[in-house]
Amino acid sequence: MTPDILCIGAVLWDIIGRTPAPMQAGQDVPGRITRLPGGVALNIAMTLARMGLRPAALCSIGRDGAGNELIAACEALGLDMTLAHRSADPTDVYMAIEGAGGLIAAIADAHSLERAGGAILAPLLDGRLGSAGRPYQGMIALDGNLTTDLLAEIAASPAFAAADLRLAPASPGKAERLAPLLPHPRATLYVNLIEANVLAGRTHDTAQAAAQDLILRGAQRVLVTDGAKPCALAGKGMATLTAQPPSITPRRITGAGDTFMAAHIAAERRGQSGEIALQAALAAAATYVSGIDP
């Protein structure tokens, strides 16, 4: 069965320690530690699957026990994992600590994905999904955990020329990796204000200003979030839209941006657009951050 969307990038185990108490470096506090399937590409895919879509993952997963468990867990969540690259490297892991509703620190071990490089893209080049002469024309969610060189290759590759690209930087430290893809004629960038400022090379105080600056710098369409402050959607030849997120008490942070992105994609696939799609994405992200499971 043809997938509704390809999710390319990090698929790994999330190990998250959460406490309702404020934390500082060096503190030892009580809380809960969870181990769940995660990674930017997978978080997007899982949300899309919950919304009734059929996502397939192009990623790298180890041929170890942790990898086998991860494949099984993803398939149980409704993801198509048949195109995943299986690596000799250990399965990737993300570890984070959250306190009082905010991220304290995180480490992403994505060595399997980085070493796999272009091997994860084989289905888009060897005819299974497309090729340089017959490019894939569907929707692709692409995350910035791929290496700088690979993202630059994707930006120039004819195999991606016809795709509806949805870009997520993964973290502020990786935001600049997506710069070569911004001029892609069918690319939409999803970033928070910090990531937008990294890409813009200057500091903006609002999502609206950052989004408009990125359009002036060559991006085609940009959505910028700013936590509880208004988000913005800007694009070439369109008026900039802003919207205020719902007021909630945050109980978790990791995965919020991925949920927002997936919900916006799902809304647009339903035929919604503009402010309606933006409000749908904000509502989904608010529900997630408040700790309410679907």
C-alpha atoms as a PDB file:
ATOM      1  CA  MET A   1       0.000   0.000   0.000  1.00  0.00           C
ATOM      2  CA  THR A   2       1.392   3.424  -0.934  1.00  0.00           C
ATOM      3  CA  PRO A   3       2.110   5.527   2.176  1.00  0.00           C
ATOM      4  CA  ASP A   4       0.426   8.909   2.627  1.00  0.00           C
ATOM      5  CA  ILE A   5       3.699  10.514   3.706  1.00  0.00           C
ATOM      6  CA  LEU A   6       7.360   9.583   4.104  1.00  0.00           C
ATOM      7  CA  CYS A   7       9.046  10.526   7.382  1.00  0.00           C
ATOM      8  CA  ILE A   8      12.813  10.740   6.917  1.00  0.00           C
ATOM      9  CA  GLY A   9      15.264  11.099   9.788  1.00  0.00           C
ATOM     10  CA  ALA A  10      15.626  10.066  13.408  1.00  0.00           C
ATOM     11  CA  VAL A  11      13.810   6.967  14.657  1.00  0.00           C
ATOM     12  CA  LEU A  12      15.178   5.926  18.039  1.00  0.00           C
ATOM     13  CA  TRP A  13      14.429   5.248  21.683  1.00  0.00           C
ATOM     14  CA  ASP A  14      13.498   8.262  23.827  1.00  0.00           C
ATOM     15  CA  ILE A  15      14.595   7.997  27.458  1.00  0.00           C
ATOM     16  CA  ILE A  16      12.947  10.897  29.296  1.00  0.00           C
ATOM     17  CA  GLY A  17      13.238  11.754  32.979  1.00  0.00           C
ATOM     18  CA  ARG A  18      10.478  14.101  34.178  1.00  0.00           C
ATOM     19  CA  THR A  19       9.865  15.795  37.504  1.00  0.00           C
ATOM     20  CA  PRO A  20       7.256  18.424  38.437  1.00  0.00           C
ATOM     21  CA  ALA A  21       9.875  20.158  40.610  1.00  0.00           C
ATOM     22  CA  PRO A  22      12.176  22.954  39.400  1.00  0.00           C
ATOM     23  CA  MET A  23      15.699  21.678  38.778  1.00  0.00           C
ATOM     24  CA  GLN A  24      19.229  23.021  38.588  1.00  0.00           C
ATOM     25  CA  ALA A  25      22.450  21.389  37.427  1.00  0.00           C
ATOM     26  CA  GLY A  26      23.723  18.825  39.906  1.00  0.00           C
ATOM     27  CA  GLN A  27      20.399  18.234  41.654  1.00  0.00           C
ATOM     28  CA  ASP A  28      18.953  14.778  42.341  1.00  0.00           C
ATOM     29  CA  VAL A  29      15.141  14.840  42.517  1.00  0.00           C
ATOM     30  CA  PRO A  30      12.325  12.270  42.411  1.00  0.00           C
ATOM     31  CA  GLY A  31      10.394  11.825  39.188  1.00  0.00           C
ATOM     32  CA  ARG A  32       9.467   9.363  36.441  1.00  0.00           C
ATOM     33  CA  ILE A  33      11.677   7.861  33.741  1.00  0.00           C
ATOM     34  CA  THR A  34      10.103   6.536  30.542  1.00  0.00           C
ATOM     35  CA  ARG A  35      11.456   4.671  27.501  1.00  0.00           C
ATOM     36  CA  LEU A  36       9.356   5.215  24.391  1.00  0.00           C
ATOM     37  CA  PRO A  37       9.810   5.189  20.613  1.00  0.00           C
ATOM     38  CA  GLY A  38      10.926   8.669  19.593  1.00  0.00           C
ATOM     39  CA  GLY A  39      13.033  10.835  17.334  1.00  0.00           C
ATOM     40  CA  VAL A  40      11.792  13.760  15.252  1.00  0.00           C
ATOM     41  CA  ALA A  41      10.768  11.714  12.208  1.00  0.00           C
ATOM     42  CA  LEU A  42       9.082   9.097  14.372  1.00  0.00           C
ATOM     43  CA  ASN A  43       7.262  11.626  16.571  1.00  0.00           C
ATOM     44  CA  ILE A  44       5.818  13.158  13.416  1.00  0.00           C
ATOM     45  CA  ALA A  45       4.924   9.744  12.013  1.00  0.00           C
ATOM     46  CA  MET A  46       3.238   8.572  15.219  1.00  0.00           C
ATOM     47  CA  THR A  47       1.072  11.679  15.377  1.00  0.00           C
ATOM     48  CA  LEU A  48       0.120  11.304  11.718  1.00  0.00           C
ATOM     49  CA  ALA A  49      -0.815   7.658  12.305  1.00  0.00           C
ATOM     50  CA  ARG A  50      -3.044   8.653  15.234  1.00  0.00           C
ATOM     51  CA  MET A  51      -4.759  11.095  12.882  1.00  0.00           C
ATOM     52  CA  GLY A  52      -5.614   8.340  10.409  1.00  0.00           C
ATOM     53  CA  LEU A  53      -2.761   8.695   7.909  1.00  0.00           C
ATOM     54  CA  ARG A  54      -0.391   5.951   6.702  1.00  0.00           C
ATOM     55  CA  PRO A  55       3.219   7.116   7.267  1.00  0.00           C
ATOM     56  CA  ALA A  56       6.335   5.179   6.243  1.00  0.00           C
ATOM     57  CA  ALA A  57       9.737   5.767   7.834  1.00  0.00           C
ATOM     58  CA  LEU A  58      13.036   6.106   5.976  1.00  0.00           C
ATOM     59  CA  CYS A  59      15.579   5.830   8.771  1.00  0.00           C
ATOM     60  CA  SER A  60      18.435   3.801  10.202  1.00  0.00           C
ATOM     61  CA  ILE A  61      17.798   1.243  12.944  1.00  0.00           C
ATOM     62  CA  GLY A  62      20.380  -1.130  14.389  1.00  0.00           C
ATOM     63  CA  ARG A  63      20.224  -4.864  13.889  1.00  0.00           C
ATOM     64  CA  ASP A  64      20.479  -5.271  17.661  1.00  0.00           C
ATOM     65  CA  GLY A  65      17.854  -6.250  20.205  1.00  0.00           C
ATOM     66  CA  ALA A  66      16.916  -2.619  20.834  1.00  0.00           C
ATOM     67  CA  GLY A  67      16.398  -2.174  17.100  1.00  0.00           C
ATOM     68  CA  ASN A  68      14.170  -5.228  16.809  1.00  0.00           C
ATOM     69  CA  GLU A  69      12.076  -3.961  19.730  1.00  0.00           C
ATOM     70  CA  LEU A  70      11.849  -0.526  18.127  1.00  0.00           C
ATOM     71  CA  ILE A  71      10.692  -1.926  14.775  1.00  0.00           C
ATOM     72  CA  ALA A  72       7.989  -3.974  16.515  1.00  0.00           C
ATOM     73  CA  ALA A  73       6.873  -0.993  18.606  1.00  0.00           C
ATOM     74  CA  CYS A  74       6.631   1.257  15.536  1.00  0.00           C
ATOM     75  CA  GLU A  75       4.635  -1.291  13.565  1.00  0.00           C
ATOM     76  CA  ALA A  76       2.243  -1.676  16.502  1.00  0.00           C
ATOM     77  CA  LEU A  77       1.663   2.090  16.312  1.00  0.00           C
ATOM     78  CA  GLY A  78       0.636   1.851  12.651  1.00  0.00           C
ATOM     79  CA  LEU A  79       3.894   2.818  10.938  1.00  0.00           C
ATOM     80  CA  ASP A  80       5.231   1.182   7.784  1.00  0.00           C
ATOM     81  CA  MET A  81       8.818   0.164   8.648  1.00  0.00           C
ATOM     82  CA  THR A  82       9.497  -2.031   5.601  1.00  0.00           C
ATOM     83  CA  LEU A  83      11.753   0.619   4.015  1.00  0.00           C
ATOM     84  CA  ALA A  84      13.909   1.235   7.100  1.00  0.00           C
ATOM     85  CA  HIS A  85      17.661   0.730   6.683  1.00  0.00           C
ATOM     86  CA  ARG A  86      19.048  -1.795   9.197  1.00  0.00           C
ATOM     87  CA  SER A  87      22.515  -0.821  10.417  1.00  0.00           C
ATOM     88  CA  ALA A  88      25.385  -2.694  12.056  1.00  0.00           C
ATOM     89  CA  ASP A  89      25.656   0.223  14.509  1.00  0.00           C
ATOM     90  CA  PRO A  90      23.746   0.259  17.815  1.00  0.00           C
ATOM     91  CA  THR A  91      20.224   1.660  17.658  1.00  0.00           C
ATOM     92  CA  ASP A  92      20.137   5.401  18.304  1.00  0.00           C
ATOM     93  CA  VAL A  93      18.980   6.890  21.633  1.00  0.00           C
ATOM     94  CA  TYR A  94      17.811  10.312  22.831  1.00  0.00           C
ATOM     95  CA  MET A  95      18.025  11.121  26.540  1.00  0.00           C
ATOM     96  CA  ALA A  96      16.435  14.175  28.165  1.00  0.00           C
ATOM     97  CA  ILE A  97      15.642  15.578  31.603  1.00  0.00           C
ATOM     98  CA  GLU A  98      12.617  17.811  32.082  1.00  0.00           C
ATOM     99  CA  GLY A  99      11.784  19.764  35.238  1.00  0.00           C
ATOM    100  CA  ALA A 100       8.747  21.909  36.050  1.00  0.00           C
ATOM    101  CA  GLY A 101       7.486  21.663  32.468  1.00  0.00           C
ATOM    102  CA  GLY A 102      10.756  22.739  30.852  1.00  0.00           C
ATOM    103  CA  LEU A 103      13.733  21.028  29.255  1.00  0.00           C
ATOM    104  CA  ILE A 104      16.794  20.963  31.541  1.00  0.00           C
ATOM    105  CA  ALA A 105      19.221  19.087  29.291  1.00  0.00           C
ATOM    106  CA  ALA A 106      19.303  16.495  26.503  1.00  0.00           C
ATOM    107  CA  ILE A 107      21.757  14.343  24.568  1.00  0.00           C
ATOM    108  CA  ALA A 108      21.001  12.876  21.146  1.00  0.00           C
ATOM    109  CA  ASP A 109      23.036   9.833  20.116  1.00  0.00           C
ATOM    110  CA  ALA A 110      22.224   9.586  16.391  1.00  0.00           C
ATOM    111  CA  HIS A 111      25.416   7.882  15.237  1.00  0.00           C
ATOM    112  CA  SER A 112      23.568   5.129  13.346  1.00  0.00           C
ATOM    113  CA  LEU A 113      21.619   7.674  11.313  1.00  0.00           C
ATOM    114  CA  GLU A 114      24.685   9.798  10.606  1.00  0.00           C
ATOM    115  CA  ARG A 115      26.822   6.851   9.516  1.00  0.00           C
ATOM    116  CA  ALA A 116      24.085   5.398   7.311  1.00  0.00           C
ATOM    117  CA  GLY A 117      24.044   8.599   5.253  1.00  0.00           C
ATOM    118  CA  GLY A 118      22.402   8.250   1.860  1.00  0.00           C
ATOM    119  CA  ALA A 119      21.629   4.557   2.392  1.00  0.00           C
ATOM    120  CA  ILE A 120      18.334   5.532   4.060  1.00  0.00           C
ATOM    121  CA  LEU A 121      17.243   7.309   0.852  1.00  0.00           C
ATOM    122  CA  ALA A 122      17.663   4.274  -1.420  1.00  0.00           C
ATOM    123  CA  PRO A 123      13.897   3.703  -1.954  1.00  0.00           C
ATOM    124  CA  LEU A 124      13.612   7.198  -3.470  1.00  0.00           C
ATOM    125  CA  LEU A 125      16.423   6.512  -5.924  1.00  0.00           C
ATOM    126  CA  ASP A 126      16.203   2.833  -6.894  1.00  0.00           C
ATOM    127  CA  GLY A 127      12.658   2.819  -8.259  1.00  0.00           C
ATOM    128  CA  ARG A 128      10.757   1.483  -5.260  1.00  0.00           C
ATOM    129  CA  LEU A 129       9.298   4.936  -4.546  1.00  0.00           C
ATOM    130  CA  GLY A 130      10.940   7.009  -7.240  1.00  0.00           C
ATOM    131  CA  SER A 131      14.168   7.879  -9.025  1.00  0.00           C
ATOM    132  CA  ALA A 132      16.006  10.849 -10.498  1.00  0.00           C
ATOM    133  CA  GLY A 133      14.073  10.379 -13.742  1.00  0.00           C
ATOM    134  CA  ARG A 134      10.759   9.689 -12.009  1.00  0.00           C
ATOM    135  CA  PRO A 135      10.851  11.764  -8.832  1.00  0.00           C
ATOM    136  CA  TYR A 136       8.586  11.046  -5.894  1.00  0.00           C
ATOM    137  CA  GLN A 137       5.629  13.444  -5.962  1.00  0.00           C
ATOM    138  CA  GLY A 138       4.161  12.865  -2.532  1.00  0.00           C
ATOM    139  CA  MET A 139       4.665  14.501   0.833  1.00  0.00           C
ATOM    140  CA  ILE A 140       7.933  14.092   2.765  1.00  0.00           C
ATOM    141  CA  ALA A 141       8.620  15.143   6.358  1.00  0.00           C
ATOM    142  CA  LEU A 142      12.384  15.585   6.645  1.00  0.00           C
ATOM    143  CA  ASP A 143      14.272  16.284   9.859  1.00  0.00           C
ATOM    144  CA  GLY A 144      17.587  18.007  10.483  1.00  0.00           C
ATOM    145  CA  ASN A 145      19.191  15.024  12.189  1.00  0.00           C
ATOM    146  CA  LEU A 146      20.594  14.062   8.779  1.00  0.00           C
ATOM    147  CA  THR A 147      24.144  15.238   8.144  1.00  0.00           C
ATOM    148  CA  THR A 148      24.869  18.610   6.575  1.00  0.00           C
ATOM    149  CA  ASP A 149      26.330  16.955   3.475  1.00  0.00           C
ATOM    150  CA  LEU A 150      23.320  14.673   2.990  1.00  0.00           C
ATOM    151  CA  LEU A 151      20.834  17.516   3.362  1.00  0.00           C
ATOM    152  CA  ALA A 152      22.775  19.520   0.792  1.00  0.00           C
ATOM    153  CA  GLU A 153      22.647  16.514  -1.582  1.00  0.00           C
ATOM    154  CA  ILE A 154      18.879  16.262  -1.092  1.00  0.00           C
ATOM    155  CA  ALA A 155      18.477  19.972  -1.876  1.00  0.00           C
ATOM    156  CA  ALA A 156      20.202  19.475  -5.248  1.00  0.00           C
ATOM    157  CA  SER A 157      18.804  16.021  -6.064  1.00  0.00           C
ATOM    158  CA  PRO A 158      16.257  15.716  -8.919  1.00  0.00           C
ATOM    159  CA  ALA A 159      14.727  12.799  -6.987  1.00  0.00           C
ATOM    160  CA  PHE A 160      13.305  15.336  -4.487  1.00  0.00           C
ATOM    161  CA  ALA A 161      12.397  18.050  -6.992  1.00  0.00           C
ATOM    162  CA  ALA A 162       8.669  17.208  -7.152  1.00  0.00           C
ATOM    163  CA  ALA A 163       8.105  16.370  -3.471  1.00  0.00           C
ATOM    164  CA  ASP A 164       6.040  18.399  -1.019  1.00  0.00           C
ATOM    165  CA  LEU A 165       8.816  18.863   1.561  1.00  0.00           C
ATOM    166  CA  ARG A 166       8.038  19.579   5.218  1.00  0.00           C
ATOM    167  CA  LEU A 167      11.231  20.480   7.105  1.00  0.00           C
ATOM    168  CA  ALA A 168      11.979  20.215  10.830  1.00  0.00           C
ATOM    169  CA  PRO A 169      15.407  21.237  12.187  1.00  0.00           C
ATOM    170  CA  ALA A 170      15.400  18.840  15.199  1.00  0.00           C
ATOM    171  CA  SER A 171      17.153  21.390  17.466  1.00  0.00           C
ATOM    172  CA  PRO A 172      18.590  24.922  17.397  1.00  0.00           C
ATOM    173  CA  GLY A 173      22.071  23.454  17.034  1.00  0.00           C
ATOM    174  CA  LYS A 174      21.056  21.689  13.817  1.00  0.00           C
ATOM    175  CA  ALA A 175      18.863  24.413  12.313  1.00  0.00           C
ATOM    176  CA  GLU A 176      21.530  25.703   9.927  1.00  0.00           C
ATOM    177  CA  ARG A 177      21.734  22.281   8.284  1.00  0.00           C
ATOM    178  CA  LEU A 178      18.405  22.981   6.571  1.00  0.00           C
ATOM    179  CA  ALA A 179      19.530  26.232   4.916  1.00  0.00           C
ATOM    180  CA  PRO A 180      20.182  24.632   1.474  1.00  0.00           C
ATOM    181  CA  LEU A 181      16.587  23.330   1.379  1.00  0.00           C
ATOM    182  CA  LEU A 182      14.814  26.620   2.104  1.00  0.00           C
ATOM    183  CA  PRO A 183      14.636  27.749  -1.560  1.00  0.00           C
ATOM    184  CA  HIS A 184      13.069  24.434  -2.641  1.00  0.00           C
ATOM    185  CA  PRO A 185       9.889  25.527  -4.477  1.00  0.00           C
ATOM    186  CA  ARG A 186       7.662  23.148  -2.475  1.00  0.00           C
ATOM    187  CA  ALA A 187       9.316  23.358   0.956  1.00  0.00           C
ATOM    188  CA  THR A 188       7.599  24.350   4.206  1.00  0.00           C
ATOM    189  CA  LEU A 189       9.823  25.011   7.224  1.00  0.00           C
ATOM    190  CA  TYR A 190       8.622  24.379  10.799  1.00  0.00           C
ATOM    191  CA  VAL A 191      10.805  26.066  13.462  1.00  0.00           C
ATOM    192  CA  ASN A 192      10.610  27.644  16.877  1.00  0.00           C
ATOM    193  CA  LEU A 193      11.766  31.236  17.369  1.00  0.00           C
ATOM    194  CA  ILE A 194      15.266  30.242  18.497  1.00  0.00           C
ATOM    195  CA  GLU A 195      15.757  28.051  15.418  1.00  0.00           C
ATOM    196  CA  ALA A 196      14.325  30.753  13.156  1.00  0.00           C
ATOM    197  CA  ASN A 197      16.804  33.277  14.541  1.00  0.00           C
ATOM    198  CA  VAL A 198      19.684  30.869  13.940  1.00  0.00           C
ATOM    199  CA  LEU A 199      18.662  30.495  10.300  1.00  0.00           C
ATOM    200  CA  ALA A 200      18.070  34.237   9.912  1.00  0.00           C
ATOM    201  CA  GLY A 201      21.419  35.091  11.462  1.00  0.00           C
ATOM    202  CA  ARG A 202      19.866  37.755  13.669  1.00  0.00           C
ATOM    203  CA  THR A 203      17.635  38.025  16.734  1.00  0.00           C
ATOM    204  CA  HIS A 204      13.922  38.688  16.341  1.00  0.00           C
ATOM    205  CA  ASP A 205      11.601  39.162  19.299  1.00  0.00           C
ATOM    206  CA  THR A 206       8.474  37.747  17.661  1.00  0.00           C
ATOM    207  CA  ALA A 207       7.586  34.754  15.522  1.00  0.00           C
ATOM    208  CA  GLN A 208       6.009  37.090  12.953  1.00  0.00           C
ATOM    209  CA  ALA A 209       9.196  39.107  12.448  1.00  0.00           C
ATOM    210  CA  ALA A 210      11.332  35.962  12.220  1.00  0.00           C
ATOM    211  CA  ALA A 211       9.005  34.293   9.709  1.00  0.00           C
ATOM    212  CA  GLN A 212       8.891  37.349   7.469  1.00  0.00           C
ATOM    213  CA  ASP A 213      12.686  37.682   7.583  1.00  0.00           C
ATOM    214  CA  LEU A 214      13.172  34.061   6.509  1.00  0.00           C
ATOM    215  CA  ILE A 215      10.869  34.629   3.524  1.00  0.00           C
ATOM    216  CA  LEU A 216      12.954  37.644   2.529  1.00  0.00           C
ATOM    217  CA  ARG A 217      16.040  35.432   2.779  1.00  0.00           C
ATOM    218  CA  GLY A 218      14.669  32.947   0.249  1.00  0.00           C
ATOM    219  CA  ALA A 219      12.419  30.535   2.148  1.00  0.00           C
ATOM    220  CA  GLN A 220       9.165  29.588   0.408  1.00  0.00           C
ATOM    221  CA  ARG A 221       6.875  29.037   3.403  1.00  0.00           C
ATOM    222  CA  VAL A 222       7.643  29.153   7.131  1.00  0.00           C
ATOM    223  CA  LEU A 223       5.798  28.388  10.378  1.00  0.00           C
ATOM    224  CA  VAL A 224       7.436  29.812  13.503  1.00  0.00           C
ATOM    225  CA  THR A 225       6.282  28.937  17.030  1.00  0.00           C
ATOM    226  CA  ASP A 226       7.231  30.730  20.258  1.00  0.00           C
ATOM    227  CA  GLY A 227       5.946  28.666  23.155  1.00  0.00           C
ATOM    228  CA  ALA A 228       2.910  30.327  24.736  1.00  0.00           C
ATOM    229  CA  LYS A 229       3.342  33.446  22.578  1.00  0.00           C
ATOM    230  CA  PRO A 230       1.753  33.916  19.124  1.00  0.00           C
ATOM    231  CA  CYS A 231       3.017  31.765  16.262  1.00  0.00           C
ATOM    232  CA  ALA A 232       3.259  32.901  12.650  1.00  0.00           C
ATOM    233  CA  LEU A 233       2.793  31.484   9.162  1.00  0.00           C
ATOM    234  CA  ALA A 234       4.454  33.355   6.296  1.00  0.00           C
ATOM    235  CA  GLY A 235       4.967  32.548   2.631  1.00  0.00           C
ATOM    236  CA  LYS A 236       5.929  34.116  -0.658  1.00  0.00           C
ATOM    237  CA  GLY A 237       3.019  36.077  -2.064  1.00  0.00           C
ATOM    238  CA  MET A 238       0.773  35.632   0.992  1.00  0.00           C
ATOM    239  CA  ALA A 239      -0.172  37.725   4.007  1.00  0.00           C
ATOM    240  CA  THR A 240       1.458  36.619   7.260  1.00  0.00           C
ATOM    241  CA  LEU A 241      -0.938  34.900   9.665  1.00  0.00           C
ATOM    242  CA  THR A 242      -0.521  34.895  13.442  1.00  0.00           C
ATOM    243  CA  ALA A 243      -2.363  32.879  16.083  1.00  0.00           C
ATOM    244  CA  GLN A 244      -2.300  32.661  19.872  1.00  0.00           C
ATOM    245  CA  PRO A 245      -1.781  29.165  21.383  1.00  0.00           C
ATOM    246  CA  PRO A 246      -4.329  28.003  23.980  1.00  0.00           C
ATOM    247  CA  SER A 247      -3.464  28.735  27.603  1.00  0.00           C
ATOM    248  CA  ILE A 248      -2.424  25.483  29.334  1.00  0.00           C
ATOM    249  CA  THR A 249      -0.261  24.187  32.163  1.00  0.00           C
ATOM    250  CA  PRO A 250       2.748  22.467  30.534  1.00  0.00           C
ATOM    251  CA  ARG A 251       3.591  18.999  31.825  1.00  0.00           C
ATOM    252  CA  ARG A 252       5.917  17.809  29.046  1.00  0.00           C
ATOM    253  CA  ILE A 253       7.980  19.486  26.338  1.00  0.00           C
ATOM    254  CA  THR A 254       9.860  16.870  24.315  1.00  0.00           C
ATOM    255  CA  GLY A 255       7.947  16.212  21.089  1.00  0.00           C
ATOM    256  CA  ALA A 256       5.731  19.319  21.225  1.00  0.00           C
ATOM    257  CA  GLY A 257       7.115  20.849  18.030  1.00  0.00           C
ATOM    258  CA  ASP A 258       6.848  17.528  16.206  1.00  0.00           C
ATOM    259  CA  THR A 259       3.206  17.225  17.276  1.00  0.00           C
ATOM    260  CA  PHE A 260       2.483  20.751  16.014  1.00  0.00           C
ATOM    261  CA  MET A 261       4.085  19.984  12.656  1.00  0.00           C
ATOM    262  CA  ALA A 262       2.280  16.665  12.208  1.00  0.00           C
ATOM    263  CA  ALA A 263      -1.088  18.159  13.129  1.00  0.00           C
ATOM    264  CA  HIS A 264      -0.601  20.979  10.620  1.00  0.00           C
ATOM    265  CA  ILE A 265       0.326  18.480   7.896  1.00  0.00           C
ATOM    266  CA  ALA A 266      -2.739  16.370   8.700  1.00  0.00           C
ATOM    267  CA  ALA A 267      -5.000  19.427   8.626  1.00  0.00           C
ATOM    268  CA  GLU A 268      -3.727  20.440   5.195  1.00  0.00           C
ATOM    269  CA  ARG A 269      -4.197  16.908   3.897  1.00  0.00           C
ATOM    270  CA  ARG A 270      -7.831  17.175   5.037  1.00  0.00           C
ATOM    271  CA  GLY A 271      -8.150  20.223   2.792  1.00  0.00           C
ATOM    272  CA  GLN A 272      -7.895  22.806   5.558  1.00  0.00           C
ATOM    273  CA  SER A 273      -5.645  25.809   5.066  1.00  0.00           C
ATOM    274  CA  GLY A 274      -4.546  29.130   6.511  1.00  0.00           C
ATOM    275  CA  GLU A 275      -5.797  30.004   9.979  1.00  0.00           C
ATOM    276  CA  ILE A 276      -7.968  26.876  10.285  1.00  0.00           C
ATOM    277  CA  ALA A 277      -5.008  24.537   9.791  1.00  0.00           C
ATOM    278  CA  LEU A 278      -2.880  26.699  12.092  1.00  0.00           C
ATOM    279  CA  GLN A 279      -5.461  26.550  14.893  1.00  0.00           C
ATOM    280  CA  ALA A 280      -5.760  22.771  14.493  1.00  0.00           C
ATOM    281  CA  ALA A 281      -2.003  22.422  14.921  1.00  0.00           C
ATOM    282  CA  LEU A 282      -1.934  24.682  17.989  1.00  0.00           C
ATOM    283  CA  ALA A 283      -4.782  22.754  19.608  1.00  0.00           C
ATOM    284  CA  ALA A 284      -3.016  19.419  19.065  1.00  0.00           C
ATOM    285  CA  ALA A 285       0.270  20.747  20.461  1.00  0.00           C
ATOM    286  CA  ALA A 286      -1.493  22.236  23.506  1.00  0.00           C
ATOM    287  CA  THR A 287      -3.208  18.938  24.235  1.00  0.00           C
ATOM    288  CA  TYR A 288       0.142  17.133  23.997  1.00  0.00           C
ATOM    289  CA  VAL A 289       2.064  19.601  26.183  1.00  0.00           C
ATOM    290  CA  SER A 290      -0.686  19.524  28.836  1.00  0.00           C
ATOM    291  CA  GLY A 291       0.027  15.814  29.235  1.00  0.00           C
ATOM    292  CA  ILE A 292      -3.257  14.579  27.792  1.00  0.00           C
ATOM    293  CA  ASP A 293      -2.715  11.453  25.701  1.00  0.00           C
ATOM    294  CA  PRO A 294      -4.844  10.897  22.577  1.00  0.00           C
END
